[in-house]
Amino acid sequence: MDKNITDIILFHSLIVFGELLIVVSLVHMLYKRRTPASMIAWLLSMVLLPYLFVVLYFIFGSRKRINKYTKNHIKLKMTKKERTQNPIDNILRNCGVSQLKENQEFQIITDPTVAYDTFINCIKNTTSSIYISTYVLRYDKTTKEILKALGEKARQGVDVKLLIDSLGSWKLYFNRRHLKKLIKAGVKIEFFMPALKMPFRNYINLRNHRKIYIFDENIVLSGGMNLADEYLGADRQTRRWEDILFISTGSSFKDFFEVFASDWFYASSKRLEFKEKEFKDDGDTDIQIVPSGPDMQKDALYEALLCAIYGAKKSIWIVTPYFAPNDSLSRALIIAKHKGIDVKLITPKKSNHLSADLIRSSYMRDLEDEGVDIWLYEGNMLHAKAIVFDDTCAMLGSVNFDNRSLFLNYEIDTFVYSKRAIDEIYTWMKTLLQKSTKGIKNTSKSRMIMENFMRIFAPQV
């Protein structure tokens, strides 16, 4: 009898404790002014499995955090040119993003072999510095040659710095034997938010998803490509992912450098100083560098994206591997379609994450019901992230069309203002359409229920 009473008391104590945890979490959400959708998603999860999801909330639920370990906000420097060029430029400047720059050169690269050759040539032709930031660095046939070239440059006296996200490159983080030769050669290597170091400083939920490759403080490569064999390589392979990279030279380097320097200081506590110099900007492409994430005081990229959608007059073409828009973005796309704008979403028929495919499906069905064209790419994994608005503006970079990219990860995107570059992006998108099927097929009721259920977790992932 005594044992039964003890068990009952213990059982009720656990229930009360679980409810208290949920209340504490709710108070924290209210204090942090979380969106209603996000709060409801977390609370529903906590009701189902309180002890698990309360822990997950305090690991994954933080975003713009403020404590003594917080990464300093990025402040991109403005030049003397104060005249805004368009509404997007105006929003970005008011959110602390530097104005657009006129570059010497800007070229789109969608061929993985050309991307590899360009990357290797940039390394080999460098004489002073190489700064690399990547989410995924996998030791394989392709990166073996890249790391070898970086080591050779370091031995020649070139300043080589390599910033790697510890979660995105977890295999290399836990097994660093392939990095020993690089370190011995003089390459400086840092892991962003190392999972097993400084637990109170590091949040596993906030990852550095930026791809920034800087050479000689002049040439920049950026886009969606990480450093692994599925993204680029010397030989042509049919299994490589579809992705996009761009190369730019000119004064926009300053903004890329400031973002890299901020990330490097956070990871290493060592500052990089920019050497002021004049750039001969006489190209045909204006670009604007837009970092986003916990180190930006405002959600500049999100506001600019909404502005661009509402400002479009003819077309909005979106290429993204993962798609989970919040209500504001989803409604903006539907309104655009109702205005008669050509709205297209091109996304992989099957991505590399089943959970992402389940989450996106209900959103895509909502858009398709309103007349938005949904195209499912049937080639290899489509990892590219690009959006084109009319023939006036394009977005390229590391940002997916989902909650994680827009609000949680450290990301970097580039707004491109050039008809020539935009025409090239359109041409590439049309090649994707040739390998895509239009529309989402009807599915079973059980699958649809699962898709709708997974939508609950969209604000959290």
Protein backbone atom coordinates (compact mmCIF):
# COMPACT_ATOMS: atom_id res chain seq x y z
CA MET A 1 0.00 0.00 0.00
CA ASP A 2 2.80 2.39 0.95
CA LYS A 3 4.53 1.62 -2.31
CA ASN A 4 1.34 2.39 -4.28
CA ILE A 5 0.96 5.74 -2.50
CA THR A 6 4.60 6.57 -3.24
CA ASP A 7 4.13 5.71 -6.92
CA ILE A 8 0.99 7.88 -7.09
CA ILE A 9 2.76 10.82 -5.43
CA LEU A 10 5.74 10.42 -7.78
CA PHE A 11 3.46 10.21 -10.83
CA HIS A 12 1.53 13.35 -9.90
CA SER A 13 4.75 15.15 -9.00
CA LEU A 14 6.14 14.46 -12.46
CA ILE A 15 2.93 15.77 -14.04
CA VAL A 16 3.02 18.96 -11.96
CA PHE A 17 6.73 19.42 -12.68
CA GLY A 18 6.10 19.01 -16.40
CA GLU A 19 3.32 21.59 -16.28
CA LEU A 20 5.60 24.00 -14.40
CA LEU A 21 8.25 23.55 -17.10
CA ILE A 22 5.69 24.41 -19.77
CA VAL A 23 4.63 27.53 -17.83
CA VAL A 24 8.27 28.63 -17.46
CA SER A 25 8.79 28.09 -21.20
CA LEU A 26 5.63 30.08 -21.98
CA VAL A 27 6.82 32.98 -19.82
CA HIS A 28 10.16 32.90 -21.64
CA MET A 29 8.39 32.96 -25.02
CA LEU A 30 6.27 35.92 -23.94
CA TYR A 31 9.35 37.74 -22.65
CA LYS A 32 11.13 37.11 -25.96
CA ARG A 33 8.01 38.16 -27.91
CA ARG A 34 7.89 35.02 -30.00
CA THR A 35 5.37 34.95 -32.83
CA PRO A 36 2.00 33.30 -32.08
CA ALA A 37 2.68 30.56 -34.65
CA SER A 38 6.02 29.74 -33.06
CA MET A 39 4.56 29.76 -29.54
CA ILE A 40 1.67 27.48 -30.52
CA ALA A 41 4.05 25.06 -32.26
CA TRP A 42 6.32 24.80 -29.22
CA LEU A 43 3.44 24.52 -26.75
CA LEU A 44 1.76 21.75 -28.72
CA SER A 45 5.06 19.88 -28.81
CA MET A 46 5.48 20.33 -25.05
CA VAL A 47 2.00 19.03 -24.37
CA LEU A 48 2.83 15.87 -26.31
CA LEU A 49 6.30 15.32 -24.79
CA PRO A 50 6.91 17.98 -22.12
CA TYR A 51 10.29 16.88 -20.79
CA LEU A 52 11.81 16.37 -24.22
CA PHE A 53 10.52 19.52 -25.91
CA VAL A 54 11.16 21.85 -22.99
CA VAL A 55 14.82 20.85 -23.18
CA LEU A 56 14.77 21.20 -26.96
CA TYR A 57 13.16 24.63 -26.65
CA PHE A 58 15.97 26.02 -24.52
CA ILE A 59 18.51 24.46 -26.90
CA PHE A 60 16.84 25.36 -30.19
CA GLY A 61 14.36 28.08 -29.29
CA SER A 62 16.69 31.05 -28.85
CA ARG A 63 17.34 33.46 -31.67
CA LYS A 64 18.50 37.08 -31.17
CA ARG A 65 20.17 36.30 -27.86
CA ILE A 66 21.78 38.83 -25.56
CA ASN A 67 24.41 37.77 -23.03
CA LYS A 68 28.11 38.19 -22.46
CA TYR A 69 28.86 35.53 -25.09
CA THR A 70 26.72 37.13 -27.79
CA LYS A 71 28.36 37.68 -31.16
CA ASN A 72 28.66 41.40 -31.84
CA HIS A 73 26.31 42.89 -34.41
CA ILE A 74 27.77 43.32 -37.88
CA LYS A 75 28.01 46.94 -38.96
CA LEU A 76 28.69 47.37 -42.65
CA LYS A 77 30.30 50.69 -43.46
CA MET A 78 28.51 53.24 -45.60
CA THR A 79 30.33 55.30 -48.22
CA LYS A 80 29.62 58.92 -49.03
CA LYS A 81 26.99 58.00 -51.62
CA GLU A 82 23.75 58.44 -49.70
CA ARG A 83 21.14 58.43 -52.47
CA THR A 84 19.00 55.30 -52.33
CA GLN A 85 18.54 53.43 -55.60
CA ASN A 86 15.22 51.63 -55.02
CA PRO A 87 12.82 50.63 -52.20
CA ILE A 88 14.85 47.49 -51.41
CA ASP A 89 18.03 49.54 -51.10
CA ASN A 90 16.21 51.96 -48.83
CA ILE A 91 15.00 49.19 -46.49
CA LEU A 92 18.41 47.58 -46.34
CA ARG A 93 20.18 50.84 -45.51
CA ASN A 94 17.68 51.64 -42.75
CA CYS A 95 18.39 48.18 -41.31
CA GLY A 96 22.14 48.77 -41.21
CA VAL A 97 23.17 47.21 -44.53
CA SER A 98 25.62 49.06 -46.75
CA GLN A 99 24.38 50.49 -50.04
CA LEU A 100 24.85 48.75 -53.36
CA LYS A 101 28.29 48.68 -54.95
CA GLU A 102 29.34 48.95 -58.60
CA ASN A 103 31.73 46.07 -59.25
CA GLN A 104 34.42 45.44 -61.81
CA GLU A 105 33.20 41.94 -62.56
CA PHE A 106 30.26 39.71 -61.69
CA GLN A 107 29.78 36.26 -63.20
CA ILE A 108 27.30 33.47 -62.49
CA ILE A 109 28.65 29.89 -62.32
CA THR A 110 26.26 26.93 -62.45
CA ASP A 111 28.62 24.27 -63.84
CA PRO A 112 30.27 22.36 -60.93
CA THR A 113 33.42 21.70 -62.96
CA VAL A 114 33.79 25.37 -63.87
CA ALA A 115 33.17 26.23 -60.22
CA TYR A 116 35.98 23.90 -59.15
CA ASP A 117 38.40 25.21 -61.77
CA THR A 118 37.58 28.79 -60.75
CA PHE A 119 38.11 27.97 -57.08
CA ILE A 120 41.45 26.25 -57.67
CA ASN A 121 42.68 29.00 -59.99
CA CYS A 122 41.78 31.64 -57.40
CA ILE A 123 43.85 29.76 -54.83
CA LYS A 124 46.83 29.29 -57.16
CA ASN A 125 46.85 32.92 -58.27
CA THR A 126 46.61 34.34 -54.75
CA THR A 127 49.65 36.20 -53.47
CA SER A 128 48.66 37.65 -50.08
CA SER A 129 45.55 36.20 -48.37
CA ILE A 130 42.84 33.55 -48.57
CA TYR A 131 39.83 33.69 -46.24
CA ILE A 132 37.34 30.81 -46.43
CA SER A 133 34.08 30.35 -44.52
CA THR A 134 31.92 27.31 -45.23
CA TYR A 135 29.14 25.32 -43.58
CA VAL A 136 30.12 21.93 -45.01
CA LEU A 137 33.71 20.85 -45.53
CA ARG A 138 33.93 17.15 -46.22
CA TYR A 139 37.25 15.41 -46.76
CA ASP A 140 36.90 13.70 -50.14
CA LYS A 141 38.45 13.55 -53.59
CA THR A 142 37.60 17.17 -54.39
CA THR A 143 38.48 18.82 -51.10
CA LYS A 144 41.68 16.81 -50.82
CA GLU A 145 43.01 18.84 -53.77
CA ILE A 146 41.60 22.10 -52.42
CA LEU A 147 43.19 21.58 -48.99
CA LYS A 148 46.46 20.58 -50.62
CA ALA A 149 46.49 23.83 -52.63
CA LEU A 150 45.69 25.84 -49.47
CA GLY A 151 48.61 24.19 -47.65
CA GLU A 152 51.00 25.00 -50.48
CA LYS A 153 49.94 28.65 -50.39
CA ALA A 154 50.40 28.82 -46.62
CA ARG A 155 53.94 27.46 -46.98
CA GLN A 156 54.61 30.24 -49.51
CA GLY A 157 53.70 32.83 -46.87
CA VAL A 158 50.11 33.52 -47.91
CA ASP A 159 47.77 34.26 -44.99
CA VAL A 160 45.26 31.38 -45.12
CA LYS A 161 42.32 31.30 -42.75
CA LEU A 162 39.67 28.58 -42.75
CA LEU A 163 36.41 28.96 -40.77
CA ILE A 164 34.26 25.82 -40.60
CA ASP A 165 30.90 25.27 -38.94
CA SER A 166 31.30 22.52 -36.35
CA LEU A 167 27.86 20.98 -36.93
CA GLY A 168 27.75 21.26 -40.72
CA SER A 169 31.22 19.66 -40.85
CA TRP A 170 30.82 17.39 -37.84
CA LYS A 171 32.85 14.51 -39.27
CA LEU A 172 35.86 16.78 -39.72
CA TYR A 173 35.22 18.39 -36.34
CA PHE A 174 35.38 15.07 -34.51
CA ASN A 175 38.19 13.65 -36.66
CA ARG A 176 40.78 16.32 -37.44
CA ARG A 177 43.63 14.15 -38.62
CA HIS A 178 43.19 15.47 -42.18
CA LEU A 179 43.77 19.01 -40.92
CA LYS A 180 47.11 18.35 -39.21
CA LYS A 181 49.16 18.91 -42.37
CA LEU A 182 47.31 22.16 -43.04
CA ILE A 183 47.94 23.45 -39.53
CA LYS A 184 51.60 22.45 -39.77
CA ALA A 185 51.82 24.33 -43.09
CA GLY A 186 50.56 27.48 -41.38
CA VAL A 187 46.84 27.48 -42.20
CA LYS A 188 44.78 29.04 -39.39
CA ILE A 189 41.68 26.89 -38.75
CA GLU A 190 38.72 27.67 -36.51
CA PHE A 191 35.44 25.85 -35.92
CA PHE A 192 32.39 28.07 -35.51
CA MET A 193 30.50 27.35 -32.26
CA PRO A 194 32.33 24.11 -31.45
CA ALA A 195 29.83 21.65 -30.03
CA LEU A 196 32.11 20.34 -27.26
CA LYS A 197 33.62 23.64 -26.18
CA MET A 198 32.21 26.55 -24.18
CA PRO A 199 28.68 25.11 -23.74
CA PHE A 200 27.27 28.37 -22.32
CA ARG A 201 28.54 30.33 -25.30
CA ASN A 202 27.45 27.99 -28.04
CA TYR A 203 23.91 27.34 -29.23
CA ILE A 204 23.64 24.27 -31.42
CA ASN A 205 20.59 25.80 -33.10
CA LEU A 206 22.41 28.84 -34.49
CA ARG A 207 24.74 27.71 -37.25
CA ASN A 208 27.07 29.57 -39.58
CA HIS A 209 25.56 28.70 -42.97
CA ARG A 210 27.51 31.40 -44.86
CA LYS A 211 29.69 30.59 -47.85
CA ILE A 212 32.36 33.25 -48.27
CA TYR A 213 35.56 32.66 -50.22
CA ILE A 214 37.89 35.69 -50.42
CA PHE A 215 41.15 35.89 -52.36
CA ASP A 216 43.75 38.70 -52.19
CA GLU A 217 41.24 41.14 -50.69
CA ASN A 218 39.67 41.68 -54.10
CA ILE A 219 38.08 38.51 -55.49
CA VAL A 220 35.05 36.91 -53.81
CA LEU A 221 33.26 33.66 -54.50
CA SER A 222 29.90 33.12 -52.81
CA GLY A 223 26.53 31.47 -53.35
CA GLY A 224 25.15 28.13 -52.25
CA MET A 225 28.09 25.77 -52.83
CA ASN A 226 29.84 24.21 -49.86
CA LEU A 227 33.18 22.44 -50.17
CA ALA A 228 32.49 18.79 -50.92
CA ASP A 229 32.41 16.49 -53.92
CA GLU A 230 28.63 16.72 -54.37
CA TYR A 231 28.93 20.48 -55.02
CA LEU A 232 31.98 20.81 -57.30
CA GLY A 233 34.89 18.84 -58.71
CA ALA A 234 37.47 18.45 -61.46
CA ASP A 235 35.69 15.62 -63.27
CA ARG A 236 32.16 15.62 -64.62
CA GLN A 237 29.81 13.42 -62.62
CA THR A 238 26.14 12.86 -63.17
CA ARG A 239 25.49 12.56 -59.43
CA ARG A 240 26.56 16.10 -58.51
CA TRP A 241 24.00 18.44 -57.02
CA GLU A 242 22.55 21.38 -58.90
CA ASP A 243 23.85 24.58 -57.33
CA ILE A 244 24.98 28.11 -58.07
CA LEU A 245 28.10 30.14 -57.33
CA PHE A 246 29.18 33.61 -58.40
CA ILE A 247 32.48 35.43 -58.65
CA SER A 248 32.78 39.14 -58.06
CA THR A 249 35.64 41.63 -58.00
CA GLY A 250 35.47 45.21 -56.80
CA SER A 251 34.39 47.25 -53.82
CA SER A 252 31.71 44.79 -52.63
CA PHE A 253 34.67 42.87 -51.24
CA LYS A 254 34.63 45.28 -48.27
CA ASP A 255 31.24 44.02 -47.11
CA PHE A 256 32.14 40.35 -47.54
CA PHE A 257 35.34 41.01 -45.61
CA GLU A 258 33.47 42.70 -42.73
CA VAL A 259 31.14 39.70 -42.40
CA PHE A 260 34.01 37.20 -42.47
CA ALA A 261 36.07 39.30 -40.04
CA SER A 262 33.16 39.43 -37.60
CA ASP A 263 32.68 35.65 -37.75
CA TRP A 264 36.43 35.04 -37.45
CA PHE A 265 36.72 37.26 -34.38
CA TYR A 266 33.84 35.43 -32.72
CA ALA A 267 35.48 32.05 -33.36
CA SER A 268 39.11 33.00 -32.68
CA SER A 269 39.06 36.26 -30.62
CA LYS A 270 41.50 37.65 -33.20
CA ARG A 271 40.66 40.73 -35.25
CA LEU A 272 41.23 41.17 -38.96
CA GLU A 273 41.92 44.69 -40.16
CA PHE A 274 40.73 45.91 -43.53
CA LYS A 275 43.35 47.71 -45.59
CA GLU A 276 41.70 50.67 -47.23
CA LYS A 277 42.28 50.87 -50.98
CA GLU A 278 40.61 52.17 -54.08
CA PHE A 279 38.67 49.84 -56.36
CA LYS A 280 38.18 50.45 -60.04
CA ASP A 281 34.47 49.72 -60.29
CA ASP A 282 33.55 49.93 -63.96
CA GLY A 283 31.43 46.81 -64.45
CA ASP A 284 27.77 46.48 -65.38
CA THR A 285 26.52 44.93 -62.13
CA ASP A 286 25.49 46.63 -58.92
CA ILE A 287 25.29 44.26 -55.95
CA GLN A 288 24.33 44.64 -52.31
CA ILE A 289 25.63 42.29 -49.60
CA VAL A 290 23.03 41.34 -46.99
CA PRO A 291 24.05 39.29 -43.94
CA SER A 292 21.28 37.92 -41.75
CA GLY A 293 21.07 36.08 -38.47
CA PRO A 294 21.53 36.61 -34.74
CA ASP A 295 24.37 39.08 -35.38
CA MET A 296 22.11 41.50 -37.26
CA GLN A 297 20.13 43.92 -35.12
CA LYS A 298 17.16 43.86 -37.52
CA ASP A 299 15.72 41.32 -39.96
CA ALA A 300 16.94 43.23 -43.00
CA LEU A 301 16.84 40.31 -45.42
CA TYR A 302 13.34 39.26 -44.43
CA GLU A 303 12.00 42.81 -44.81
CA ALA A 304 13.74 43.24 -48.17
CA LEU A 305 12.32 39.91 -49.40
CA LEU A 306 8.78 40.95 -48.50
CA CYS A 307 9.33 44.34 -50.13
CA ALA A 308 10.58 42.69 -53.33
CA ILE A 309 7.60 40.32 -53.49
CA TYR A 310 5.08 43.12 -53.02
CA GLY A 311 6.96 45.36 -55.45
CA ALA A 312 7.16 42.84 -58.30
CA LYS A 313 5.22 43.78 -61.43
CA LYS A 314 5.63 40.82 -63.80
CA SER A 315 7.33 37.76 -62.34
CA ILE A 316 8.71 36.10 -59.22
CA TRP A 317 10.71 32.92 -59.83
CA ILE A 318 11.98 31.08 -56.76
CA VAL A 319 14.55 28.28 -56.66
CA THR A 320 15.09 26.71 -53.24
CA PRO A 321 15.81 23.22 -51.87
CA TYR A 322 13.73 23.74 -48.71
CA PHE A 323 10.46 25.64 -48.58
CA ALA A 324 8.55 26.54 -45.41
CA PRO A 325 7.44 30.18 -45.56
CA ASN A 326 5.77 31.91 -42.64
CA ASP A 327 2.24 33.28 -43.06
CA SER A 328 3.41 36.72 -44.21
CA LEU A 329 5.58 35.35 -47.02
CA SER A 330 3.00 32.79 -48.09
CA ARG A 331 0.26 35.43 -48.22
CA ALA A 332 2.55 37.82 -50.13
CA LEU A 333 3.12 35.19 -52.84
CA ILE A 334 -0.61 34.48 -53.08
CA ILE A 335 -1.39 38.19 -53.37
CA ALA A 336 1.25 38.49 -56.09
CA LYS A 337 -0.43 35.68 -58.01
CA HIS A 338 -3.84 37.35 -57.60
CA LYS A 339 -2.33 40.53 -59.08
CA GLY A 340 -1.55 38.55 -62.24
CA ILE A 341 2.17 38.11 -61.56
CA ASP A 342 3.92 35.00 -62.86
CA VAL A 343 4.89 33.22 -59.62
CA LYS A 344 6.95 30.04 -59.96
CA LEU A 345 8.49 27.81 -57.31
CA ILE A 346 11.18 25.36 -58.45
CA THR A 347 12.19 22.86 -55.78
CA PRO A 348 13.55 19.30 -55.78
CA LYS A 349 11.03 16.52 -56.23
CA LYS A 350 12.86 14.78 -53.42
CA SER A 351 15.40 16.59 -51.27
CA ASN A 352 18.07 15.12 -49.02
CA HIS A 353 15.84 15.56 -45.93
CA LEU A 354 12.55 13.66 -45.66
CA SER A 355 11.35 15.91 -42.83
CA ALA A 356 11.85 18.99 -45.01
CA ASP A 357 9.83 17.35 -47.81
CA LEU A 358 6.98 16.57 -45.44
CA ILE A 359 6.95 20.06 -43.94
CA ARG A 360 6.98 21.88 -47.30
CA SER A 361 4.19 19.89 -48.95
CA SER A 362 1.22 21.55 -47.24
CA TYR A 363 2.64 25.00 -48.02
CA MET A 364 3.08 24.09 -51.68
CA ARG A 365 -0.45 22.72 -51.89
CA ASP A 366 -1.78 25.99 -50.46
CA LEU A 367 0.06 27.98 -53.13
CA GLU A 368 -0.92 25.61 -55.93
CA ASP A 369 -4.58 25.93 -54.92
CA GLU A 370 -4.22 29.68 -55.53
CA GLY A 371 -2.68 29.22 -58.98
CA VAL A 372 1.03 29.45 -58.17
CA ASP A 373 3.13 27.25 -60.49
CA ILE A 374 4.90 24.51 -58.52
CA TRP A 375 7.70 22.76 -60.41
CA LEU A 376 9.41 19.66 -59.00
CA TYR A 377 12.96 19.20 -60.25
CA GLU A 378 13.66 15.58 -61.17
CA GLY A 379 17.44 15.78 -61.60
CA ASN A 380 19.97 15.39 -58.80
CA MET A 381 19.48 17.23 -55.54
CA LEU A 382 18.66 20.88 -56.25
CA HIS A 383 20.62 22.81 -53.60
CA ALA A 384 20.66 26.25 -55.26
CA LYS A 385 19.00 29.27 -53.69
CA ALA A 386 17.95 32.05 -56.08
CA ILE A 387 14.99 34.37 -56.53
CA VAL A 388 14.39 36.73 -59.45
CA PHE A 389 11.96 39.64 -59.35
CA ASP A 390 10.93 40.92 -62.80
CA ASP A 391 14.09 41.86 -64.70
CA THR A 392 15.30 44.29 -62.05
CA CYS A 393 16.55 42.33 -59.04
CA ALA A 394 17.80 38.89 -58.05
CA MET A 395 18.71 37.26 -54.75
CA LEU A 396 21.59 34.78 -54.59
CA GLY A 397 23.35 33.23 -51.64
CA SER A 398 23.04 30.76 -48.78
CA VAL A 399 19.46 31.54 -47.72
CA ASN A 400 16.73 28.94 -48.12
CA PHE A 401 13.06 29.95 -48.23
CA ASP A 402 12.35 28.75 -44.71
CA ASN A 403 12.24 29.82 -41.11
CA ARG A 404 15.71 28.53 -40.24
CA SER A 405 17.52 30.49 -42.94
CA LEU A 406 15.53 33.68 -42.53
CA PHE A 407 15.55 33.90 -38.74
CA LEU A 408 17.98 31.48 -37.10
CA ASN A 409 21.15 30.72 -39.04
CA TYR A 410 24.00 33.08 -39.78
CA GLU A 411 23.49 33.63 -43.52
CA ILE A 412 24.62 35.88 -46.33
CA ASP A 413 22.74 36.83 -49.48
CA THR A 414 23.51 39.12 -52.38
CA PHE A 415 21.00 41.34 -54.15
CA VAL A 416 21.95 41.70 -57.81
CA TYR A 417 20.84 44.63 -59.96
CA SER A 418 21.89 43.91 -63.55
CA LYS A 419 19.76 42.92 -66.52
CA ARG A 420 22.63 40.94 -68.01
CA ALA A 421 23.14 38.88 -64.83
CA ILE A 422 19.40 38.46 -64.30
CA ASP A 423 18.95 37.22 -67.88
CA GLU A 424 21.65 34.60 -67.19
CA ILE A 425 19.85 33.47 -64.05
CA TYR A 426 16.55 33.23 -65.94
CA THR A 427 18.24 31.14 -68.64
CA TRP A 428 19.59 28.77 -65.98
CA MET A 429 16.17 28.54 -64.32
CA LYS A 430 14.59 27.63 -67.65
CA THR A 431 17.01 24.70 -67.95
CA LEU A 432 15.78 23.55 -64.53
CA LEU A 433 12.17 23.72 -65.78
CA GLN A 434 13.07 21.41 -68.66
CA LYS A 435 13.97 18.74 -66.09
CA SER A 436 10.96 19.39 -63.87
CA THR A 437 7.35 18.28 -63.71
CA LYS A 438 4.60 20.78 -62.98
CA GLY A 439 2.28 20.35 -60.05
CA ILE A 440 2.02 18.24 -56.92
CA LYS A 441 0.38 14.88 -57.32
CA ASN A 442 -2.52 13.90 -55.13
CA THR A 443 -1.45 11.79 -52.21
CA SER A 444 -3.04 9.44 -49.72
CA LYS A 445 -5.06 10.80 -46.81
CA SER A 446 -2.56 9.36 -44.35
CA ARG A 447 0.31 11.16 -46.12
CA MET A 448 -1.65 14.42 -46.19
CA ILE A 449 -2.39 14.14 -42.48
CA MET A 450 1.31 13.62 -41.83
CA GLU A 451 2.20 16.64 -44.00
CA ASN A 452 -0.26 18.84 -42.14
CA PHE A 453 0.96 17.51 -38.80
CA MET A 454 4.60 18.26 -39.69
CA ARG A 455 3.55 21.84 -40.45
CA ILE A 456 3.26 22.32 -36.69
CA PHE A 457 7.04 22.06 -36.45
CA ALA A 458 7.80 24.44 -39.35
CA PRO A 459 8.36 27.51 -37.10
CA GLN A 460 10.95 25.55 -35.13
CA VAL A 461 13.09 24.14 -37.95
